[in-house]
């Protein structure tokens, strides 16, 4: 996983932990405040992911032995 992807992951987790809705603009604001440059499409990609799957579901299924998430479903 690239630094850009990790930054977006952590931004999503921060927003979720604070009960704030996850949007591309908010992800971008967090990673910018951290001084990390991400590809312009990544915040939108992560936003689409969390609209299709809940963060709690993604966290609870880590290491469950299932296959990796298929990004093609976005």
N, C-alpha and C. Protein backbone atom coordinates (compact mmCIF):
# COMPACT_ATOMS: atom_id res chain seq x y z
N UNK A 1 0.85 -1.17 0.00
CA UNK A 1 0.00 0.00 0.00
C UNK A 1 0.90 1.23 0.00
N UNK A 2 0.56 2.19 -0.82
CA UNK A 2 1.36 3.41 -0.94
C UNK A 2 1.08 4.36 0.22
N UNK A 3 1.94 5.33 0.38
CA UNK A 3 1.77 6.35 1.42
C UNK A 3 0.46 7.11 1.19
N UNK A 4 0.13 7.39 -0.06
CA UNK A 4 -1.11 8.10 -0.38
C UNK A 4 -2.33 7.30 0.06
N UNK A 5 -2.31 6.00 -0.21
CA UNK A 5 -3.43 5.14 0.18
C UNK A 5 -3.53 5.04 1.70
N UNK A 6 -2.40 4.93 2.37
CA UNK A 6 -2.41 4.87 3.83
C UNK A 6 -2.95 6.17 4.42
N UNK A 7 -2.56 7.29 3.85
CA UNK A 7 -3.05 8.58 4.34
C UNK A 7 -4.56 8.67 4.22
N UNK A 8 -5.10 8.21 3.10
CA UNK A 8 -6.56 8.22 2.91
C UNK A 8 -7.24 7.26 3.86
N UNK A 9 -6.62 6.10 4.10
CA UNK A 9 -7.16 5.14 5.07
C UNK A 9 -7.27 5.77 6.45
N UNK A 10 -6.17 6.38 6.89
CA UNK A 10 -6.16 6.99 8.21
C UNK A 10 -7.14 8.16 8.29
N UNK A 11 -7.28 8.91 7.23
CA UNK A 11 -8.24 10.01 7.22
C UNK A 11 -9.66 9.48 7.39
N UNK A 12 -9.97 8.39 6.70
CA UNK A 12 -11.30 7.77 6.83
C UNK A 12 -11.53 7.29 8.26
N UNK A 13 -10.52 6.68 8.84
CA UNK A 13 -10.64 6.20 10.22
C UNK A 13 -10.82 7.35 11.21
N UNK A 14 -10.10 8.45 11.00
CA UNK A 14 -10.26 9.62 11.87
C UNK A 14 -11.67 10.19 11.79
N UNK A 15 -12.16 10.34 10.57
CA UNK A 15 -13.51 10.87 10.39
C UNK A 15 -14.55 9.94 11.01
N UNK A 16 -14.40 8.66 10.76
CA UNK A 16 -15.35 7.68 11.31
C UNK A 16 -15.33 7.69 12.84
N UNK A 17 -14.14 7.74 13.41
CA UNK A 17 -14.00 7.72 14.87
C UNK A 17 -14.67 8.93 15.51
N UNK A 18 -14.66 10.06 14.82
CA UNK A 18 -15.30 11.27 15.34
C UNK A 18 -16.77 11.38 14.95
N UNK A 19 -17.28 10.39 14.22
CA UNK A 19 -18.68 10.40 13.83
C UNK A 19 -19.00 11.41 12.73
N UNK A 20 -18.00 11.78 11.95
CA UNK A 20 -18.17 12.76 10.88
C UNK A 20 -18.36 12.01 9.56
N UNK A 21 -19.27 12.49 8.74
CA UNK A 21 -19.49 11.83 7.45
C UNK A 21 -18.22 11.91 6.60
N UNK A 22 -17.96 10.84 5.89
CA UNK A 22 -16.73 10.74 5.11
C UNK A 22 -17.00 11.21 3.68
N UNK A 23 -16.32 12.29 3.31
CA UNK A 23 -16.43 12.83 1.95
C UNK A 23 -15.04 13.03 1.38
N UNK A 24 -14.97 13.14 0.08
CA UNK A 24 -13.68 13.35 -0.59
C UNK A 24 -13.04 14.65 -0.13
N UNK A 25 -13.85 15.69 0.06
CA UNK A 25 -13.31 16.98 0.50
C UNK A 25 -12.70 16.89 1.89
N UNK A 26 -13.35 16.16 2.77
CA UNK A 26 -12.83 16.03 4.13
C UNK A 26 -11.57 15.18 4.17
N UNK A 27 -11.52 14.13 3.37
CA UNK A 27 -10.31 13.31 3.27
C UNK A 27 -9.17 14.18 2.75
N UNK A 28 -9.43 14.93 1.70
CA UNK A 28 -8.41 15.81 1.12
C UNK A 28 -7.91 16.83 2.12
N UNK A 29 -8.83 17.40 2.92
CA UNK A 29 -8.44 18.40 3.91
C UNK A 29 -7.53 17.80 4.98
N UNK A 30 -7.83 16.59 5.41
CA UNK A 30 -7.01 15.95 6.44
C UNK A 30 -5.62 15.63 5.91
N UNK A 31 -5.55 15.04 4.73
CA UNK A 31 -4.22 14.67 4.22
C UNK A 31 -3.41 15.92 3.87
N UNK A 32 -4.07 16.96 3.42
CA UNK A 32 -3.37 18.23 3.15
C UNK A 32 -2.83 18.83 4.43
N UNK A 33 -3.64 18.79 5.50
CA UNK A 33 -3.21 19.33 6.79
C UNK A 33 -2.02 18.54 7.33
N UNK A 34 -1.93 17.27 6.96
CA UNK A 34 -0.80 16.44 7.39
C UNK A 34 0.42 16.64 6.50
N UNK A 35 0.26 17.42 5.45
CA UNK A 35 1.37 17.69 4.55
C UNK A 35 1.69 16.55 3.60
N UNK A 36 0.69 15.76 3.30
CA UNK A 36 0.87 14.61 2.40
C UNK A 36 0.15 14.89 1.09
N UNK A 37 0.84 14.69 -0.01
CA UNK A 37 0.22 14.85 -1.32
C UNK A 37 -0.32 13.50 -1.77
N UNK A 38 -1.58 13.50 -2.19
CA UNK A 38 -2.18 12.27 -2.70
C UNK A 38 -2.68 12.51 -4.11
N UNK A 39 -2.79 11.44 -4.86
CA UNK A 39 -3.34 11.54 -6.20
C UNK A 39 -4.78 12.06 -6.10
N UNK A 40 -5.18 12.88 -7.02
CA UNK A 40 -6.47 13.57 -6.92
C UNK A 40 -7.68 12.63 -6.92
N UNK A 41 -7.53 11.44 -7.48
CA UNK A 41 -8.66 10.51 -7.55
C UNK A 41 -8.85 9.70 -6.27
N UNK A 42 -7.84 9.62 -5.41
CA UNK A 42 -7.91 8.73 -4.24
C UNK A 42 -8.99 9.11 -3.23
N UNK A 43 -9.14 10.37 -2.83
CA UNK A 43 -10.21 10.67 -1.87
C UNK A 43 -11.59 10.25 -2.36
N UNK A 44 -11.87 10.45 -3.64
CA UNK A 44 -13.15 10.02 -4.20
C UNK A 44 -13.29 8.52 -4.21
N UNK A 45 -12.22 7.83 -4.48
CA UNK A 45 -12.23 6.37 -4.49
C UNK A 45 -12.53 5.82 -3.10
N UNK A 46 -11.89 6.40 -2.10
CA UNK A 46 -12.14 5.96 -0.73
C UNK A 46 -13.56 6.32 -0.29
N UNK A 47 -14.06 7.46 -0.72
CA UNK A 47 -15.43 7.84 -0.40
C UNK A 47 -16.41 6.83 -1.00
N UNK A 48 -16.18 6.42 -2.24
CA UNK A 48 -17.04 5.42 -2.87
C UNK A 48 -17.00 4.10 -2.12
N UNK A 49 -15.83 3.73 -1.64
CA UNK A 49 -15.69 2.49 -0.89
C UNK A 49 -16.52 2.51 0.38
N UNK A 50 -16.42 3.59 1.15
CA UNK A 50 -17.15 3.62 2.43
C UNK A 50 -18.64 3.84 2.23
N UNK A 51 -19.06 4.26 1.05
CA UNK A 51 -20.49 4.34 0.77
C UNK A 51 -21.06 2.96 0.49
N UNK A 52 -20.22 2.06 -0.01
CA UNK A 52 -20.67 0.70 -0.33
C UNK A 52 -20.49 -0.27 0.84
N UNK A 53 -19.49 -0.03 1.67
CA UNK A 53 -19.20 -0.89 2.82
C UNK A 53 -18.98 -0.01 4.03
N UNK A 54 -19.49 -0.40 5.17
CA UNK A 54 -19.29 0.41 6.37
C UNK A 54 -17.87 0.22 6.90
N UNK A 55 -17.37 1.25 7.53
CA UNK A 55 -16.03 1.19 8.12
C UNK A 55 -15.98 0.08 9.16
N UNK A 56 -17.03 -0.04 9.98
CA UNK A 56 -17.06 -1.09 11.00
C UNK A 56 -16.95 -2.47 10.36
N UNK A 57 -17.62 -2.66 9.25
CA UNK A 57 -17.57 -3.94 8.53
C UNK A 57 -16.16 -4.21 8.00
N UNK A 58 -15.55 -3.19 7.44
CA UNK A 58 -14.19 -3.35 6.90
C UNK A 58 -13.19 -3.65 8.01
N UNK A 59 -13.34 -2.99 9.15
CA UNK A 59 -12.43 -3.21 10.27
C UNK A 59 -12.61 -4.61 10.84
N UNK A 60 -13.84 -5.03 11.01
CA UNK A 60 -14.10 -6.33 11.65
C UNK A 60 -13.73 -7.50 10.75
N UNK A 61 -13.59 -7.27 9.45
CA UNK A 61 -13.25 -8.36 8.54
C UNK A 61 -11.77 -8.44 8.20
N UNK A 62 -10.96 -7.64 8.86
CA UNK A 62 -9.51 -7.69 8.62
C UNK A 62 -8.99 -9.03 9.13
N UNK A 63 -8.31 -9.74 8.27
CA UNK A 63 -7.73 -11.02 8.67
C UNK A 63 -8.73 -12.14 8.84
N UNK A 64 -9.93 -11.98 8.29
CA UNK A 64 -10.95 -13.01 8.45
C UNK A 64 -10.74 -14.18 7.50
N UNK A 65 -9.73 -14.09 6.66
CA UNK A 65 -9.45 -15.20 5.76
C UNK A 65 -10.14 -15.07 4.42
N UNK A 66 -10.98 -14.07 4.27
CA UNK A 66 -11.67 -13.86 3.01
C UNK A 66 -10.74 -13.22 1.99
N UNK A 67 -11.20 -13.14 0.78
CA UNK A 67 -10.41 -12.51 -0.27
C UNK A 67 -10.32 -11.02 -0.08
N UNK A 68 -9.41 -10.41 -0.78
CA UNK A 68 -9.24 -8.97 -0.72
C UNK A 68 -10.45 -8.28 -1.32
N UNK A 69 -10.69 -7.04 -0.91
CA UNK A 69 -11.81 -6.29 -1.47
C UNK A 69 -11.57 -6.04 -2.94
N UNK A 70 -12.57 -6.28 -3.74
CA UNK A 70 -12.47 -6.10 -5.19
C UNK A 70 -12.79 -4.65 -5.54
N UNK A 71 -11.76 -3.86 -5.86
CA UNK A 71 -11.96 -2.45 -6.20
C UNK A 71 -12.79 -2.30 -7.46
N UNK A 72 -12.94 -3.37 -8.23
CA UNK A 72 -13.74 -3.31 -9.44
C UNK A 72 -15.23 -3.12 -9.15
N UNK A 73 -15.64 -3.37 -7.89
CA UNK A 73 -17.04 -3.19 -7.51
C UNK A 73 -17.42 -1.73 -7.37
N UNK A 74 -16.43 -0.85 -7.36
CA UNK A 74 -16.74 0.57 -7.21
C UNK A 74 -17.26 1.05 -8.48
